[in-house]
């Protein structure tokens, strides 16, 4: 039995639709080992599938199948801290847990690039799965079932404040609201800002981030799915956020703030309460540069 730590992820980062993502220090833990039957349990009370539809099991079985090895069963013990269906990479964490764990159980026949590719093939895009595996901030392009990626580690004094609504939003629903075509002007708008984001973050030019997270490809179409979303964006900037964006497909809203801004969290909490959003949660996070790992 091995125990694995998998970080939450925040994808898109505004303009980097399906190409930018980063890992943060909020973790799921999965203990996995071979068994002669399937034994899946949630250790924290979160409802998870306990049959062969479980995404961790399906991902692990994918590796066994690729190796031509029969998988009789697995023991999978889940500790779920990443909110499900909220835009923080809960499904990607399951995929990576299954692949990473199965690869160890099989004797590590797949290298990192191969695991990155397989994870993207399962998920359909690499913006969450790749940083969940590698950590840091990752720029990736998915082409012909292969992911071309660059990981960069960030050691800046930044906090990532996740503002998590009390409702789920499936990726399918969030994608269905997007237009099938966009203008050349909007595509150019996003390209320039996506390129600006990671460079500004790495070099500490935080004044650029507010412009860099602006987007015309997905956020304007998804904003109406998040109650008071525009109000929270405006308030975050009033309180000194460097940048605010919809995390992944939403509905989580992520604000990037200075670690020295001690008033941001309590004041945003107060503002959410004023709006009647008492059940919304908040997480003060930082970048995880390690990614998925085995822990003792």
Protein backbone atom coordinates (compact mmCIF):
# COMPACT_ATOMS: atom_id res chain seq x y z
CA UNK A 1 0.00 0.00 0.00
CA UNK A 2 1.27 3.45 -0.89
CA UNK A 3 -0.11 6.84 0.14
CA UNK A 4 -0.10 9.63 -2.45
CA UNK A 5 -0.54 13.39 -2.04
CA UNK A 6 -2.12 15.18 -5.02
CA UNK A 7 -2.50 18.99 -5.18
CA UNK A 8 -5.52 20.96 -6.27
CA UNK A 9 -5.09 22.96 -9.43
CA UNK A 10 -6.37 26.19 -10.90
CA UNK A 11 -6.62 26.28 -14.68
CA UNK A 12 -6.99 28.89 -17.44
CA UNK A 13 -5.68 31.72 -15.20
CA UNK A 14 -7.87 34.11 -17.11
CA UNK A 15 -6.77 34.25 -20.73
CA UNK A 16 -4.84 30.95 -20.88
CA UNK A 17 -7.89 28.89 -21.81
CA UNK A 18 -7.06 25.15 -21.77
CA UNK A 19 -3.33 25.92 -21.76
CA UNK A 20 -2.30 27.48 -18.42
CA UNK A 21 -2.62 25.93 -14.98
CA UNK A 22 -0.95 25.91 -11.60
CA UNK A 23 -0.88 23.68 -8.53
CA UNK A 24 -1.82 24.96 -5.07
CA UNK A 25 -1.31 23.61 -1.56
CA UNK A 26 -4.70 22.02 -1.02
CA UNK A 27 -4.42 18.23 -1.21
CA UNK A 28 -6.27 15.01 -1.70
CA UNK A 29 -4.68 11.89 -0.24
CA UNK A 30 -5.11 8.46 -1.79
CA UNK A 31 -3.85 5.19 -0.37
CA UNK A 32 -3.72 2.50 -3.06
CA UNK A 33 -2.65 -1.11 -3.26
CA UNK A 34 -3.42 -4.29 -5.16
CA UNK A 35 -6.16 -6.57 -3.90
CA UNK A 36 -8.03 -9.62 -5.15
CA UNK A 37 -11.23 -7.54 -5.14
CA UNK A 38 -12.26 -3.91 -5.45
CA UNK A 39 -12.36 -2.10 -2.10
CA UNK A 40 -12.95 1.66 -2.36
CA UNK A 41 -13.64 3.74 0.72
CA UNK A 42 -13.91 7.43 1.56
CA UNK A 43 -12.15 8.20 4.83
CA UNK A 44 -13.74 11.61 5.32
CA UNK A 45 -17.43 10.98 4.59
CA UNK A 46 -17.36 12.45 1.07
CA UNK A 47 -19.55 10.42 -1.27
CA UNK A 48 -17.38 8.72 -3.90
CA UNK A 49 -18.17 5.91 -6.36
CA UNK A 50 -17.27 2.57 -4.79
CA UNK A 51 -17.48 0.50 -7.97
CA UNK A 52 -15.58 0.33 -11.26
CA UNK A 53 -16.87 3.77 -12.26
CA UNK A 54 -14.52 5.35 -9.71
CA UNK A 55 -12.16 7.64 -11.64
CA UNK A 56 -9.10 6.63 -9.62
CA UNK A 57 -9.79 2.97 -10.39
CA UNK A 58 -10.47 3.67 -14.08
CA UNK A 59 -7.21 5.59 -14.41
CA UNK A 60 -5.21 2.89 -12.65
CA UNK A 61 -6.81 0.20 -14.83
CA UNK A 62 -5.81 2.17 -17.93
CA UNK A 63 -2.14 1.70 -17.04
CA UNK A 64 -2.57 -1.99 -16.23
CA UNK A 65 -4.32 -2.48 -19.59
CA UNK A 66 -1.54 -0.67 -21.44
CA UNK A 67 0.97 -3.01 -19.81
CA UNK A 68 -1.11 -6.07 -20.61
CA UNK A 69 -1.42 -6.84 -16.91
CA UNK A 70 -4.62 -8.22 -15.38
CA UNK A 71 -6.03 -6.11 -12.57
CA UNK A 72 -8.04 -8.29 -10.21
CA UNK A 73 -8.83 -5.50 -7.81
CA UNK A 74 -7.52 -2.56 -5.81
CA UNK A 75 -7.82 -1.08 -2.38
CA UNK A 76 -8.40 2.66 -2.72
CA UNK A 77 -8.76 4.84 0.38
CA UNK A 78 -9.66 8.46 -0.39
CA UNK A 79 -9.24 11.59 1.71
CA UNK A 80 -10.96 14.38 -0.20
CA UNK A 81 -10.01 17.95 0.65
CA UNK A 82 -10.38 19.41 -2.86
CA UNK A 83 -14.00 20.56 -3.35
CA UNK A 84 -15.66 18.51 -6.07
CA UNK A 85 -16.96 20.08 -9.28
CA UNK A 86 -15.86 23.57 -8.28
CA UNK A 87 -13.06 24.36 -10.73
CA UNK A 88 -10.16 23.27 -8.52
CA UNK A 89 -9.16 20.11 -10.35
CA UNK A 90 -10.91 17.42 -8.29
CA UNK A 91 -11.32 15.09 -11.28
CA UNK A 92 -7.72 15.68 -12.38
CA UNK A 93 -6.53 14.80 -8.89
CA UNK A 94 -8.36 11.46 -9.18
CA UNK A 95 -6.86 10.76 -12.59
CA UNK A 96 -3.34 11.56 -11.44
CA UNK A 97 -3.78 9.54 -8.25
CA UNK A 98 -4.80 6.47 -10.24
CA UNK A 99 -2.05 6.82 -12.84
CA UNK A 100 0.71 7.69 -10.38
CA UNK A 101 -0.23 4.92 -7.98
CA UNK A 102 -0.64 2.29 -10.69
CA UNK A 103 2.68 3.25 -12.25
CA UNK A 104 4.45 2.58 -8.94
CA UNK A 105 2.59 -0.71 -8.44
CA UNK A 106 3.67 -1.79 -11.94
CA UNK A 107 7.32 -0.95 -11.34
CA UNK A 108 7.29 2.51 -13.01
CA UNK A 109 7.15 1.46 -16.69
CA UNK A 110 5.92 4.93 -17.75
CA UNK A 111 8.02 8.09 -17.57
CA UNK A 112 6.73 11.55 -16.67
CA UNK A 113 6.00 12.62 -20.25
CA UNK A 114 4.01 9.45 -20.86
CA UNK A 115 1.97 9.95 -17.70
CA UNK A 116 1.28 13.56 -18.73
CA UNK A 117 0.03 12.34 -22.12
CA UNK A 118 -2.16 9.56 -20.72
CA UNK A 119 -3.70 11.90 -18.13
CA UNK A 120 -4.59 14.43 -20.83
CA UNK A 121 -6.09 11.68 -22.98
CA UNK A 122 -8.35 10.64 -20.11
CA UNK A 123 -9.31 14.20 -19.10
CA UNK A 124 -9.49 15.61 -22.63
CA UNK A 125 -7.19 18.58 -21.96
CA UNK A 126 -3.93 19.06 -20.01
CA UNK A 127 -4.43 22.33 -18.14
CA UNK A 128 -5.35 20.68 -14.80
CA UNK A 129 -3.80 17.21 -15.02
CA UNK A 130 -0.31 18.43 -15.93
CA UNK A 131 0.21 20.81 -12.98
CA UNK A 132 -1.46 18.26 -10.66
CA UNK A 133 1.31 15.83 -11.59
CA UNK A 134 4.23 18.25 -11.93
CA UNK A 135 3.43 21.17 -9.61
CA UNK A 136 4.31 24.81 -10.31
CA UNK A 137 2.76 26.81 -13.11
CA UNK A 138 2.55 24.86 -16.36
CA UNK A 139 2.07 26.03 -19.92
CA UNK A 140 0.90 23.21 -22.16
CA UNK A 141 -0.28 22.49 -25.67
CA UNK A 142 -2.15 19.30 -26.59
CA UNK A 143 -1.42 18.05 -30.11
CA UNK A 144 -2.18 14.58 -31.53
CA UNK A 145 -2.49 12.95 -28.08
CA UNK A 146 0.83 14.44 -26.97
CA UNK A 147 1.29 17.26 -24.47
CA UNK A 148 4.08 19.76 -25.02
CA UNK A 149 4.67 21.40 -21.65
CA UNK A 150 6.91 23.77 -19.71
CA UNK A 151 6.87 23.88 -15.91
CA UNK A 152 8.05 26.94 -14.02
CA UNK A 153 8.47 27.15 -10.26
CA UNK A 154 7.25 30.24 -8.45
CA UNK A 155 8.78 31.35 -5.16
CA UNK A 156 7.10 34.74 -4.91
CA UNK A 157 5.25 35.94 -1.82
CA UNK A 158 1.78 35.56 -3.26
CA UNK A 159 -1.46 34.13 -1.94
CA UNK A 160 -4.13 32.61 -4.10
CA UNK A 161 -7.51 33.16 -2.47
CA UNK A 162 -10.08 30.63 -3.65
CA UNK A 163 -13.65 31.86 -3.21
CA UNK A 164 -15.71 28.69 -3.51
CA UNK A 165 -19.49 28.82 -4.06
CA UNK A 166 -21.84 26.39 -2.35
CA UNK A 167 -23.00 24.83 -5.62
CA UNK A 168 -21.43 22.50 -8.16
CA UNK A 169 -20.81 23.39 -11.81
CA UNK A 170 -19.98 20.56 -14.16
CA UNK A 171 -17.31 21.13 -16.79
CA UNK A 172 -19.79 19.93 -19.42
CA UNK A 173 -22.32 22.62 -18.49
CA UNK A 174 -19.61 25.28 -18.33
CA UNK A 175 -18.34 24.30 -21.80
CA UNK A 176 -21.81 24.14 -23.34
CA UNK A 177 -22.32 27.85 -22.72
CA UNK A 178 -19.30 28.79 -24.85
CA UNK A 179 -19.66 29.91 -28.48
CA UNK A 180 -18.49 27.55 -31.20
CA UNK A 181 -16.60 30.35 -32.96
CA UNK A 182 -14.82 33.50 -31.80
CA UNK A 183 -13.54 36.52 -33.66
CA UNK A 184 -9.95 36.95 -34.79
CA UNK A 185 -9.82 40.08 -32.62
CA UNK A 186 -10.83 38.14 -29.49
CA UNK A 187 -8.32 35.37 -30.24
CA UNK A 188 -5.54 37.94 -30.59
CA UNK A 189 -6.67 39.64 -27.38
CA UNK A 190 -6.33 36.38 -25.45
CA UNK A 191 -3.01 35.34 -26.97
CA UNK A 192 -1.31 38.54 -25.86
CA UNK A 193 -2.65 38.31 -22.31
CA UNK A 194 -1.91 34.62 -21.84
CA UNK A 195 1.68 35.26 -22.90
CA UNK A 196 1.88 38.21 -20.51
CA UNK A 197 0.58 36.28 -17.49
CA UNK A 198 3.30 33.72 -16.78
CA UNK A 199 6.12 36.10 -17.71
CA UNK A 200 4.77 38.77 -15.35
CA UNK A 201 4.27 36.28 -12.53
CA UNK A 202 7.81 34.96 -12.88
CA UNK A 203 9.44 38.38 -13.01
CA UNK A 204 7.36 39.91 -10.25
CA UNK A 205 5.69 42.49 -12.49
CA UNK A 206 2.43 42.14 -10.60
CA UNK A 207 1.02 45.36 -12.02
CA UNK A 208 0.57 43.44 -15.30
CA UNK A 209 -1.56 40.69 -13.83
CA UNK A 210 -4.82 42.64 -13.81
CA UNK A 211 -4.52 43.03 -17.57
CA UNK A 212 -3.14 39.53 -18.11
CA UNK A 213 -6.14 37.75 -16.54
CA UNK A 214 -8.62 39.54 -18.79
CA UNK A 215 -10.30 37.14 -21.19
CA UNK A 216 -12.80 37.09 -24.05
CA UNK A 217 -13.02 33.37 -24.78
CA UNK A 218 -14.74 31.89 -21.73
CA UNK A 219 -15.14 34.14 -18.68
CA UNK A 220 -17.76 36.51 -20.17
CA UNK A 221 -19.94 33.52 -21.07
CA UNK A 222 -19.54 31.76 -17.72
CA UNK A 223 -19.92 34.76 -15.45
CA UNK A 224 -23.73 34.55 -15.46
CA UNK A 225 -23.45 31.03 -14.00
CA UNK A 226 -21.86 32.47 -10.83
CA UNK A 227 -24.18 34.41 -8.56
CA UNK A 228 -22.72 37.87 -7.82
CA UNK A 229 -19.60 36.93 -9.81
CA UNK A 230 -19.09 40.39 -11.30
CA UNK A 231 -19.65 42.03 -7.91
CA UNK A 232 -16.98 39.83 -6.31
CA UNK A 233 -14.53 40.60 -9.14
CA UNK A 234 -15.00 44.33 -8.58
CA UNK A 235 -14.72 44.05 -4.81
CA UNK A 236 -11.50 42.00 -5.05
CA UNK A 237 -9.84 44.79 -7.02
CA UNK A 238 -11.13 47.40 -4.56
CA UNK A 239 -9.35 45.37 -1.86
CA UNK A 240 -6.02 45.28 -3.73
CA UNK A 241 -6.03 42.01 -5.68
CA UNK A 242 -3.39 41.84 -8.41
CA UNK A 243 -5.76 39.76 -10.53
CA UNK A 244 -9.01 37.82 -10.26
CA UNK A 245 -10.28 35.11 -12.58
CA UNK A 246 -12.66 32.17 -12.82
CA UNK A 247 -10.74 29.07 -11.76
CA UNK A 248 -11.04 26.35 -14.38
CA UNK A 249 -14.62 25.99 -15.55
CA UNK A 250 -15.83 27.60 -12.31
CA UNK A 251 -17.67 28.37 -10.20
CA UNK A 252 -14.66 29.08 -7.93
CA UNK A 253 -13.30 32.61 -8.22
CA UNK A 254 -9.55 32.95 -7.61
CA UNK A 255 -7.81 36.16 -6.54
CA UNK A 256 -4.04 36.66 -6.59
CA UNK A 257 -2.96 38.92 -3.75
CA UNK A 258 0.20 39.96 -1.97
CA UNK A 259 1.04 37.85 1.07
CA UNK A 260 1.33 41.14 2.93
CA UNK A 261 -2.32 41.99 2.26
CA UNK A 262 -3.68 40.68 5.56
CA UNK A 263 -7.07 42.38 5.21
CA UNK A 264 -8.14 40.81 1.93
CA UNK A 265 -9.54 37.54 3.31
CA UNK A 266 -11.56 38.96 6.23
CA UNK A 267 -12.91 41.79 4.10
CA UNK A 268 -13.95 39.49 1.25
CA UNK A 269 -15.55 37.18 3.83
CA UNK A 270 -17.48 40.12 5.23
CA UNK A 271 -18.55 41.13 1.72
CA UNK A 272 -19.78 37.61 0.91
CA UNK A 273 -21.85 37.66 4.08
CA UNK A 274 -23.30 41.05 3.14
CA UNK A 275 -24.40 39.47 -0.15
CA UNK A 276 -26.04 36.63 1.75
CA UNK A 277 -23.47 34.09 0.54
CA UNK A 278 -22.91 32.63 4.00
CA UNK A 279 -22.30 29.08 2.76
CA UNK A 280 -19.51 30.04 0.35
CA UNK A 281 -16.07 28.87 1.46
CA UNK A 282 -12.65 30.49 1.22
CA UNK A 283 -9.17 28.98 1.05
CA UNK A 284 -5.93 30.95 1.40
CA UNK A 285 -3.47 29.05 -0.78
CA UNK A 286 0.02 29.28 -2.23
CA UNK A 287 1.67 27.62 -5.20
CA UNK A 288 2.77 24.01 -4.80
CA UNK A 289 6.00 23.51 -6.77
CA UNK A 290 6.34 19.76 -6.11
CA UNK A 291 3.20 18.19 -7.56
CA UNK A 292 2.12 14.64 -6.82
CA UNK A 293 4.30 12.62 -4.48
CA UNK A 294 4.33 9.57 -2.23
CA UNK A 295 4.21 10.38 1.45
CA UNK A 296 5.01 8.21 4.46
